[in-house]
Amino acid sequence: MKVGMLGLLRVVVLMLVLRVSSSSSASYSGKQNGRKSMLPVSAQATTSSLMLNRVGNSVVLPLHGNVYPDGFFDVTLNIGQPSKPYFLDPDTGSDLTWLQCDLKGPYQRFPKAPHPHYKPSNNPVLCEDPLCKSLHPPEYKCETTEQCDYEFWFQDGSSTRGVLVKDAFSFNFRDGTQLEHSLALGCGYNQTPGPFPNPTDGVLGLGKGKLSIVSQLSVDGLVRNIIGHCISVRGGGYLFFGDDHYDSSLVQWISMSSDLPEYYSPGWVELKFGGQPTGIENLLTVFDSGSSYTYLYPPAYEALITLVKEELTGKSLKEALDDETLPLCWKGERPFKSLDDVREYFKPIALSFANDEKDTQFELPPEAYLIISDKENVCLGILNGTAGGNLNIIGDISMQDKVVIYDNEMQRIGWAPEKNCDQLPKSESTSI
């Protein structure tokens, strides 16, 4: 799910409307360089022979960006033949990885991107392919079997239309192995940006579905189907696929909920403020790396605002009505230089999971829900999720300085505190 600065941007893949229009799509056949295979035959055979001993390895990718002021993160992946670098927005709320693509279509349209548009190899995914079917509702009937067309419309008005293809992705594994591997991705020839465009070349889909990059790597035996990230409050961080560099016994785990089986949801939670129950409960939550901020559905948001304002009564903070960085900001007697200046005014928040007998809690210290604006005020990074129904989104701001792990094999979500997220874990090879 892509959620931007001041609203639920691309919320939802959860509330996604999927439409397919083959009659107005680009025709893939004959448009490209004539290659019939993603990799040379010898390279494909080598990949196959390595499958069994790759499990247990992992890939680590540096994250670039920050919650504020950029409001986005990206990783660099080398894709195509020849291999070229692209900046992708890692999104655990969606399955489809896509790039802005140099493929002629009747309605070709591209927002500005940092790199020249991706040129695919001549290797389309057919409509009858299971990966294509995973993009569509069960009742969908192919209008053409020659290619897999897709069109996504998101809640913020943005959209992407394209064709599913396969191409080479280059990875450096932590054991030092370098590998080029064929994976499916979207060749997006028509994109409509939302109100807060993300300056990347596309999206890295890390959801739970078959089309997710890590799901594809796992099916091919290259890594375990586990995703994790460590976002630094200072900016940057890292993303990882696989499980060979963390100690599971040090991680707090919660089972993924059957109430939202397609998404990284721990289920229903109760909100605690300053260690005390608030009566704000039955919040259905989703962990979403595609959201910069955390969102509560309106009744819960209003109740939290009331608690925060009551806590600030009599303190030397005044609402900064002239600061439009976020909906609610406060100014002090002197400008704030860092979150250390405001921590004493705000209590910690915690999410207590209703489906857990151990009363596992996901803790949000002040730095996990506040920012210092460029006007040197403190602003609340928990926003009103008006477009998301009763859904509550745990965004990047609340996952800072934590290793957060999405274990699709054990169907659980885990986290552990980590103050050095801006330092890559030691390995023989960590870059693409």
Protein backbone atom coordinates (compact mmCIF):
# COMPACT_ATOMS: atom_id res chain seq x y z
CA MET A 1 0.00 0.00 0.00
CA LYS A 2 1.33 3.38 -0.87
CA VAL A 3 0.49 6.02 1.67
CA GLY A 4 1.98 9.46 1.37
CA MET A 5 2.36 12.65 3.33
CA LEU A 6 -1.10 13.92 4.23
CA GLY A 7 -3.57 11.28 3.27
CA LEU A 8 -4.06 7.63 2.56
CA LEU A 9 -2.15 7.55 -0.66
CA ARG A 10 -2.66 4.39 -2.57
CA VAL A 11 -4.18 2.86 0.47
CA VAL A 12 -4.99 -0.19 -0.48
CA VAL A 13 -4.11 -2.47 -2.18
CA LEU A 14 -6.68 -3.48 0.49
CA MET A 15 -9.37 -1.33 -1.11
CA LEU A 16 -8.01 -1.77 -4.57
CA VAL A 17 -10.20 -1.77 -7.65
CA LEU A 18 -8.62 -4.03 -10.24
CA ARG A 19 -9.62 -3.63 -13.85
CA VAL A 20 -8.26 -5.33 -16.94
CA SER A 21 -8.75 -3.90 -20.41
CA SER A 22 -7.05 -5.93 -23.12
CA SER A 23 -8.68 -3.99 -25.93
CA SER A 24 -6.86 -0.79 -24.93
CA SER A 25 -3.59 -2.37 -23.82
CA ALA A 26 -0.26 -2.47 -25.53
CA SER A 27 0.48 -5.43 -27.76
CA TYR A 28 3.62 -7.09 -26.52
CA SER A 29 4.46 -9.43 -29.40
CA GLY A 30 7.18 -8.17 -31.75
CA LYS A 31 7.78 -4.92 -29.91
CA GLN A 32 11.11 -5.74 -28.34
CA ASN A 33 14.54 -7.01 -29.22
CA GLY A 34 13.55 -10.51 -30.29
CA ARG A 35 15.01 -12.40 -27.31
CA LYS A 36 12.87 -15.41 -26.52
CA SER A 37 14.44 -16.30 -23.18
CA MET A 38 15.10 -14.37 -20.03
CA LEU A 39 18.52 -15.90 -19.44
CA PRO A 40 20.90 -17.83 -21.63
CA VAL A 41 20.13 -21.55 -21.51
CA SER A 42 23.32 -22.29 -19.61
CA ALA A 43 22.55 -19.65 -17.00
CA GLN A 44 19.03 -20.99 -16.52
CA ALA A 45 20.37 -24.49 -15.99
CA THR A 46 22.89 -23.19 -13.46
CA THR A 47 20.14 -21.44 -11.52
CA SER A 48 18.12 -24.66 -11.38
CA SER A 49 21.05 -26.71 -10.13
CA LEU A 50 21.68 -24.23 -7.30
CA MET A 51 18.14 -24.19 -5.97
CA LEU A 52 18.39 -26.73 -3.20
CA ASN A 53 21.43 -25.24 -1.48
CA ARG A 54 20.37 -21.58 -1.67
CA VAL A 55 17.72 -21.84 1.06
CA GLY A 56 19.16 -20.45 4.28
CA ASN A 57 20.95 -17.67 2.42
CA SER A 58 19.68 -14.09 2.26
CA VAL A 59 19.88 -10.79 0.40
CA VAL A 60 20.36 -7.44 2.15
CA LEU A 61 19.58 -4.18 0.36
CA PRO A 62 20.35 -0.68 1.67
CA LEU A 63 17.31 1.56 2.18
CA HIS A 64 17.56 5.21 1.18
CA GLY A 65 15.20 7.95 2.30
CA ASN A 66 13.40 8.95 5.48
CA VAL A 67 9.96 9.44 6.99
CA TYR A 68 10.43 13.22 7.05
CA PRO A 69 11.08 15.35 5.08
CA ASP A 70 11.28 12.98 2.08
CA GLY A 71 8.33 10.78 3.03
CA PHE A 72 9.55 7.74 1.11
CA PHE A 73 12.20 5.01 0.98
CA ASP A 74 13.73 3.18 -1.96
CA VAL A 75 16.12 0.34 -2.72
CA THR A 76 18.26 -0.12 -5.84
CA LEU A 77 17.80 -3.26 -7.94
CA ASN A 78 19.57 -4.16 -11.17
CA ILE A 79 17.06 -5.47 -13.70
CA GLY A 80 17.02 -6.38 -17.39
CA GLN A 81 19.34 -7.46 -20.18
CA PRO A 82 21.67 -5.66 -20.05
CA SER A 83 21.29 -5.11 -16.32
CA LYS A 84 20.52 -1.52 -15.28
CA PRO A 85 19.86 0.05 -11.87
CA TYR A 86 16.37 1.20 -10.83
CA PHE A 87 15.03 2.82 -7.67
CA LEU A 88 12.06 0.88 -6.28
CA ASP A 89 9.72 1.73 -3.41
CA PRO A 90 9.54 -1.36 -1.13
CA ASP A 91 5.89 -2.02 -0.36
CA THR A 92 4.72 -4.85 1.90
CA GLY A 93 1.13 -3.86 1.08
CA SER A 94 1.24 -4.97 -2.56
CA ASP A 95 2.39 -8.02 -4.52
CA LEU A 96 3.14 -6.54 -7.93
CA THR A 97 6.64 -5.27 -8.67
CA TRP A 98 6.54 -2.85 -11.58
CA LEU A 99 8.71 -0.39 -13.44
CA GLN A 100 7.86 2.48 -15.74
CA CYS A 101 8.37 0.74 -19.04
CA ASP A 102 9.30 1.76 -22.58
CA LEU A 103 6.52 -0.23 -24.24
CA LYS A 104 4.33 1.41 -26.87
CA GLY A 105 0.66 1.59 -25.95
CA PRO A 106 -2.32 3.66 -27.06
CA TYR A 107 -2.31 5.70 -23.87
CA GLN A 108 1.36 5.85 -22.98
CA ARG A 109 1.97 8.18 -20.02
CA PHE A 110 4.81 8.46 -17.51
CA PRO A 111 5.43 10.63 -14.45
CA LYS A 112 9.01 11.84 -14.09
CA ALA A 113 11.41 9.07 -13.01
CA PRO A 114 15.09 9.11 -11.95
CA HIS A 115 16.24 6.65 -14.64
CA PRO A 116 15.46 6.02 -18.32
CA HIS A 117 12.42 3.80 -18.71
CA TYR A 118 12.90 0.04 -18.44
CA LYS A 119 13.14 -1.81 -21.77
CA PRO A 120 11.85 -5.38 -21.33
CA SER A 121 13.16 -8.50 -22.98
CA ASN A 122 10.70 -10.23 -25.30
CA ASN A 123 9.39 -12.59 -22.62
CA PRO A 124 5.74 -11.82 -21.77
CA VAL A 125 3.84 -13.76 -19.11
CA LEU A 126 0.85 -15.43 -20.74
CA CYS A 127 -2.65 -14.81 -19.44
CA GLU A 128 -3.11 -18.45 -18.40
CA ASP A 129 0.04 -18.39 -16.25
CA PRO A 130 -0.69 -18.82 -12.49
CA LEU A 131 1.26 -15.62 -11.78
CA CYS A 132 -1.09 -13.72 -14.08
CA LYS A 133 -4.14 -15.34 -12.53
CA SER A 134 -2.96 -14.22 -9.09
CA LEU A 135 -3.43 -10.61 -10.27
CA HIS A 136 -7.08 -11.08 -11.18
CA PRO A 137 -10.31 -12.09 -9.47
CA PRO A 138 -11.23 -15.78 -9.90
CA GLU A 139 -14.01 -15.01 -12.37
CA TYR A 140 -11.72 -13.15 -14.76
CA LYS A 141 -11.63 -14.52 -18.32
CA CYS A 142 -8.69 -13.87 -20.63
CA GLU A 143 -9.55 -11.78 -23.68
CA THR A 144 -6.18 -12.69 -25.16
CA THR A 145 -3.91 -15.53 -24.11
CA GLU A 146 -0.79 -13.91 -25.57
CA GLN A 147 -0.07 -11.57 -22.66
CA CYS A 148 -1.09 -10.68 -19.12
CA ASP A 149 -2.61 -7.19 -18.99
CA TYR A 150 -3.32 -5.39 -15.74
CA GLU A 151 -4.66 -2.07 -14.56
CA PHE A 152 -4.70 -0.94 -10.92
CA TRP A 153 -6.56 2.08 -9.58
CA PHE A 154 -5.70 3.23 -6.08
CA GLN A 155 -7.61 5.17 -3.47
CA ASP A 156 -5.63 8.38 -3.97
CA GLY A 157 -6.44 8.54 -7.70
CA SER A 158 -3.11 7.12 -8.90
CA SER A 159 -3.02 4.18 -11.26
CA THR A 160 -0.75 1.92 -13.26
CA ARG A 161 -1.51 0.01 -16.44
CA GLY A 162 0.83 -2.46 -18.02
CA VAL A 163 1.81 -5.95 -19.10
CA LEU A 164 3.35 -8.68 -16.94
CA VAL A 165 6.77 -9.85 -18.21
CA LYS A 166 9.76 -11.83 -17.01
CA ASP A 167 13.27 -10.47 -16.90
CA ALA A 168 16.62 -10.81 -15.16
CA PHE A 169 17.07 -9.58 -11.58
CA SER A 170 20.64 -9.44 -10.28
CA PHE A 171 21.25 -10.28 -6.61
CA ASN A 172 24.26 -10.43 -4.35
CA PHE A 173 23.69 -12.95 -1.55
CA ARG A 174 25.22 -12.58 1.88
CA ASP A 175 27.50 -15.56 1.32
CA GLY A 176 29.14 -13.68 -1.56
CA THR A 177 27.27 -15.47 -4.36
CA GLN A 178 26.14 -13.33 -7.28
CA LEU A 179 23.14 -14.56 -9.22
CA GLU A 180 20.99 -13.36 -12.13
CA HIS A 181 17.51 -14.84 -11.95
CA SER A 182 14.32 -14.65 -14.00
CA LEU A 183 11.35 -13.09 -12.15
CA ALA A 184 7.98 -11.65 -13.16
CA LEU A 185 7.37 -7.92 -12.98
CA GLY A 186 5.00 -5.36 -14.38
CA CYS A 187 5.99 -3.35 -17.44
CA GLY A 188 3.96 -0.21 -16.74
CA TYR A 189 3.40 1.88 -19.85
CA ASN A 190 0.70 4.18 -18.41
CA GLN A 191 0.94 5.69 -14.92
CA THR A 192 -1.19 8.39 -13.30
CA PRO A 193 0.53 9.94 -10.27
CA GLY A 194 -1.22 10.71 -7.00
CA PRO A 195 -1.11 14.11 -5.28
CA PHE A 196 2.27 13.31 -3.72
CA PRO A 197 4.30 11.57 -6.46
CA ASN A 198 7.09 9.29 -5.33
CA PRO A 199 10.36 9.99 -7.20
CA THR A 200 11.19 6.35 -7.95
CA ASP A 201 11.18 4.14 -11.04
CA GLY A 202 8.47 1.86 -9.68
CA VAL A 203 7.41 -0.36 -6.79
CA LEU A 204 8.98 -3.46 -5.22
CA GLY A 205 6.05 -5.70 -4.30
CA LEU A 206 6.71 -7.54 -1.03
CA GLY A 207 3.21 -8.75 -0.17
CA LYS A 208 2.10 -12.28 0.68
CA GLY A 209 0.89 -13.29 -2.78
CA LYS A 210 2.46 -15.51 -5.44
CA LEU A 211 3.67 -12.54 -7.45
CA SER A 212 5.70 -11.01 -4.61
CA ILE A 213 9.40 -10.97 -5.46
CA VAL A 214 10.31 -12.94 -2.33
CA SER A 215 7.53 -15.47 -2.97
CA GLN A 216 8.97 -16.04 -6.43
CA LEU A 217 12.51 -16.40 -5.05
CA SER A 218 11.24 -18.80 -2.41
CA VAL A 219 9.39 -21.02 -4.91
CA ASP A 220 12.64 -21.27 -6.86
CA GLY A 221 14.50 -22.30 -3.70
CA LEU A 222 16.76 -19.27 -3.47
CA VAL A 223 15.68 -17.81 -0.10
CA ARG A 224 13.14 -18.63 2.55
CA ASN A 225 9.87 -16.73 2.20
CA ILE A 226 10.76 -14.19 4.88
CA ILE A 227 11.02 -10.41 4.51
CA GLY A 228 12.35 -7.90 7.00
CA HIS A 229 13.39 -4.30 7.31
CA CYS A 230 15.19 -2.03 9.73
CA ILE A 231 14.30 1.67 9.33
CA SER A 232 16.51 4.17 11.13
CA VAL A 233 15.05 7.21 12.85
CA ARG A 234 18.10 9.03 11.42
CA GLY A 235 17.14 8.04 7.88
CA GLY A 236 18.12 5.06 5.76
CA GLY A 237 18.19 1.47 6.91
CA TYR A 238 18.09 -1.89 5.18
CA LEU A 239 15.72 -4.46 3.70
CA PHE A 240 16.37 -8.19 3.72
CA PHE A 241 15.05 -11.42 2.17
CA GLY A 242 15.65 -14.67 4.06
CA ASP A 243 16.44 -15.46 7.68
CA ASP A 244 20.12 -16.26 8.14
CA HIS A 245 21.14 -13.14 10.08
CA TYR A 246 18.78 -12.69 13.02
CA ASP A 247 18.23 -14.67 16.22
CA SER A 248 14.58 -15.75 16.30
CA SER A 249 14.68 -16.22 20.08
CA LEU A 250 15.29 -12.48 20.56
CA VAL A 251 12.27 -11.48 18.49
CA GLN A 252 8.75 -10.80 19.77
CA TRP A 253 6.36 -12.77 17.54
CA ILE A 254 2.65 -12.49 16.88
CA SER A 255 0.66 -14.74 14.55
CA MET A 256 -0.70 -13.31 11.32
CA SER A 257 -4.45 -12.91 11.50
CA SER A 258 -6.96 -14.95 9.51
CA ASP A 259 -9.21 -11.85 9.43
CA LEU A 260 -6.98 -10.33 6.73
CA PRO A 261 -5.21 -13.40 5.34
CA GLU A 262 -3.80 -11.63 2.27
CA TYR A 263 -1.97 -8.94 4.24
CA TYR A 264 0.57 -8.58 7.03
CA SER A 265 -1.97 -8.17 9.78
CA PRO A 266 -1.58 -9.11 13.46
CA GLY A 267 -5.34 -8.80 13.82
CA TRP A 268 -7.14 -6.75 16.45
CA VAL A 269 -5.38 -4.53 18.95
CA GLU A 270 -6.08 -2.27 21.91
CA LEU A 271 -4.39 1.11 22.21
CA LYS A 272 -2.56 1.91 25.43
CA PHE A 273 -1.33 5.39 26.39
CA GLY A 274 1.34 5.87 29.00
CA GLY A 275 1.06 2.18 29.88
CA GLN A 276 -2.65 2.45 30.70
CA PRO A 277 -5.70 1.08 28.84
CA THR A 278 -7.55 3.74 26.86
CA GLY A 279 -10.77 1.99 25.91
CA ILE A 280 -9.66 2.37 22.27
CA GLU A 281 -9.84 -1.24 21.15
CA ASN A 282 -10.91 -3.60 18.38
CA LEU A 283 -8.54 -1.92 15.94
CA LEU A 284 -7.88 -4.13 12.91
CA THR A 285 -4.26 -3.41 11.97
CA VAL A 286 -1.86 -3.93 9.08
CA PHE A 287 1.93 -3.47 8.98
CA ASP A 288 2.68 -1.53 5.79
CA SER A 289 6.13 -0.38 4.67
CA GLY A 290 4.46 1.60 1.87
CA SER A 291 2.96 4.05 4.37
CA SER A 292 5.16 6.85 5.71
CA TYR A 293 2.90 7.49 8.69
CA THR A 294 0.59 5.54 10.97
CA TYR A 295 -3.17 5.82 10.45
CA LEU A 296 -6.08 5.20 12.81
CA TYR A 297 -9.67 4.99 11.68
CA PRO A 298 -11.56 8.18 12.63
CA PRO A 299 -13.14 7.30 16.02
CA ALA A 300 -9.84 5.91 17.33
CA TYR A 301 -7.91 8.87 15.92
CA GLU A 302 -10.20 11.41 17.59
CA ALA A 303 -10.00 9.55 20.91
CA LEU A 304 -6.20 9.52 20.76
CA ILE A 305 -6.07 13.23 19.93
CA THR A 306 -8.18 13.93 23.01
CA LEU A 307 -5.77 11.96 25.20
CA VAL A 308 -2.71 13.69 23.77
CA LYS A 309 -4.20 17.15 24.20
CA GLU A 310 -5.25 16.39 27.77
CA GLU A 311 -1.70 15.25 28.53
CA LEU A 312 -0.33 18.54 27.15
CA THR A 313 -2.68 20.70 29.20
CA GLY A 314 -0.68 23.08 31.40
CA LYS A 315 2.57 22.37 29.58
CA SER A 316 4.53 24.92 27.58
CA LEU A 317 3.38 23.71 24.16
CA LYS A 318 0.89 25.57 22.00
CA GLU A 319 -0.77 24.33 18.85
CA ALA A 320 1.10 25.64 15.79
CA LEU A 321 -1.79 26.55 13.53
CA ASP A 322 0.54 28.10 10.96
CA ASP A 323 2.49 24.84 10.48
CA GLU A 324 0.85 22.72 7.77
CA THR A 325 3.50 20.00 7.74
CA LEU A 326 1.04 17.56 9.32
CA PRO A 327 -2.51 18.09 10.60
CA LEU A 328 -1.47 18.61 14.24
CA CYS A 329 1.73 20.43 15.28
CA TRP A 330 2.85 22.23 18.44
CA LYS A 331 5.41 24.96 19.07
CA GLY A 332 7.45 25.41 22.22
CA GLU A 333 8.92 28.39 24.02
CA ARG A 334 11.95 27.97 21.78
CA PRO A 335 12.46 26.09 18.48
CA PHE A 336 12.83 22.33 18.71
CA LYS A 337 16.04 20.96 17.23
CA SER A 338 15.41 17.24 17.73
CA LEU A 339 12.99 14.76 19.26
CA ASP A 340 15.15 14.76 22.38
CA ASP A 341 13.75 18.24 23.07
CA VAL A 342 10.13 17.04 23.21
CA ARG A 343 10.28 13.52 24.63
CA GLU A 344 9.39 14.71 28.16
CA TYR A 345 6.06 16.14 26.96
CA PHE A 346 4.69 12.96 25.36
CA LYS A 347 3.85 9.54 26.75
CA PRO A 348 4.62 6.25 25.02
CA ILE A 349 1.87 4.49 23.11
CA ALA A 350 1.51 0.73 22.76
CA LEU A 351 -0.56 -1.64 20.64
CA SER A 352 -1.70 -4.63 22.69
CA PHE A 353 -2.69 -7.63 20.61
CA ALA A 354 -6.05 -9.14 21.47
CA ASN A 355 -5.29 -12.56 19.95
CA ASP A 356 -2.24 -13.12 22.12
CA GLU A 357 -2.44 -14.67 25.59
CA LYS A 358 1.00 -13.29 26.51
CA ASP A 359 -0.21 -9.68 26.11
CA THR A 360 2.45 -8.98 23.48
CA GLN A 361 2.74 -5.25 22.82
CA PHE A 362 4.16 -3.23 19.95
CA GLU A 363 5.61 -0.18 21.67
CA LEU A 364 5.71 3.32 20.21
CA PRO A 365 7.98 5.68 22.15
CA PRO A 366 7.54 9.37 21.23
CA GLU A 367 10.10 9.13 18.43
CA ALA A 368 7.90 6.42 16.83
CA TYR A 369 4.97 8.78 16.32
CA LEU A 370 6.41 12.33 16.26
CA ILE A 371 8.52 14.38 13.85
CA ILE A 372 10.27 17.75 14.09
CA SER A 373 9.10 19.89 11.17
CA ASP A 374 11.26 22.26 9.15
CA LYS A 375 9.56 25.06 11.10
CA GLU A 376 11.10 23.52 14.25
CA ASN A 377 7.79 22.45 15.73
CA VAL A 378 6.78 18.97 16.87
CA CYS A 379 4.08 17.24 14.79
CA LEU A 380 1.98 14.13 15.35
CA GLY A 381 2.79 11.40 12.83
CA ILE A 382 -0.38 9.45 13.57
CA LEU A 383 -3.00 10.58 11.06
CA ASN A 384 -6.71 10.24 10.43
CA GLY A 385 -7.31 7.24 8.21
CA THR A 386 -10.52 8.56 6.69
CA ALA A 387 -10.08 6.71 3.39
CA GLY A 388 -9.31 3.36 4.96
CA GLY A 389 -12.63 2.45 6.55
CA ASN A 390 -12.02 0.75 9.89
CA LEU A 391 -8.51 -0.29 8.89
CA ASN A 392 -5.54 0.90 10.96
CA ILE A 393 -2.09 1.08 9.36
CA ILE A 394 1.22 0.76 11.19
CA GLY A 395 3.51 2.82 8.97
CA ASP A 396 7.22 3.50 8.68
CA ILE A 397 7.31 6.13 11.43
CA SER A 398 6.22 3.55 14.01
CA MET A 399 8.63 0.88 12.78
CA GLN A 400 11.78 3.01 13.12
CA ASP A 401 14.69 1.60 15.13
CA LYS A 402 13.16 -1.89 15.02
CA VAL A 403 13.90 -4.98 12.98
CA VAL A 404 10.46 -5.95 11.67
CA ILE A 405 10.10 -9.42 10.17
CA TYR A 406 7.31 -10.89 8.02
CA ASP A 407 7.69 -14.67 8.23
CA ASN A 408 5.41 -16.10 5.54
CA GLU A 409 6.50 -19.66 6.26
CA MET A 410 5.48 -19.59 9.92
CA GLN A 411 2.68 -17.06 9.29
CA ARG A 412 3.92 -14.64 11.94
CA ILE A 413 5.17 -11.08 12.31
CA GLY A 414 8.08 -10.24 14.61
CA TRP A 415 10.04 -7.26 15.83
CA ALA A 416 13.02 -6.45 18.01
CA PRO A 417 14.59 -3.11 19.00
CA GLU A 418 17.66 -2.08 17.00
CA LYS A 419 19.42 1.26 17.40
CA ASN A 420 21.81 0.70 14.47
CA CYS A 421 19.38 0.34 11.57
CA ASP A 422 21.48 2.77 9.54
CA GLN A 423 24.36 0.27 9.61
CA LEU A 424 24.13 -2.75 7.31
CA PRO A 425 24.53 -6.13 9.01
CA LYS A 426 28.00 -7.56 8.50
CA SER A 427 28.25 -9.92 5.57
CA GLU A 428 30.50 -10.89 2.70
CA SER A 429 28.29 -9.01 0.27
CA THR A 430 25.41 -6.66 1.00
CA SER A 431 25.01 -4.48 -2.07
CA ILE A 432 23.40 -5.04 -5.41
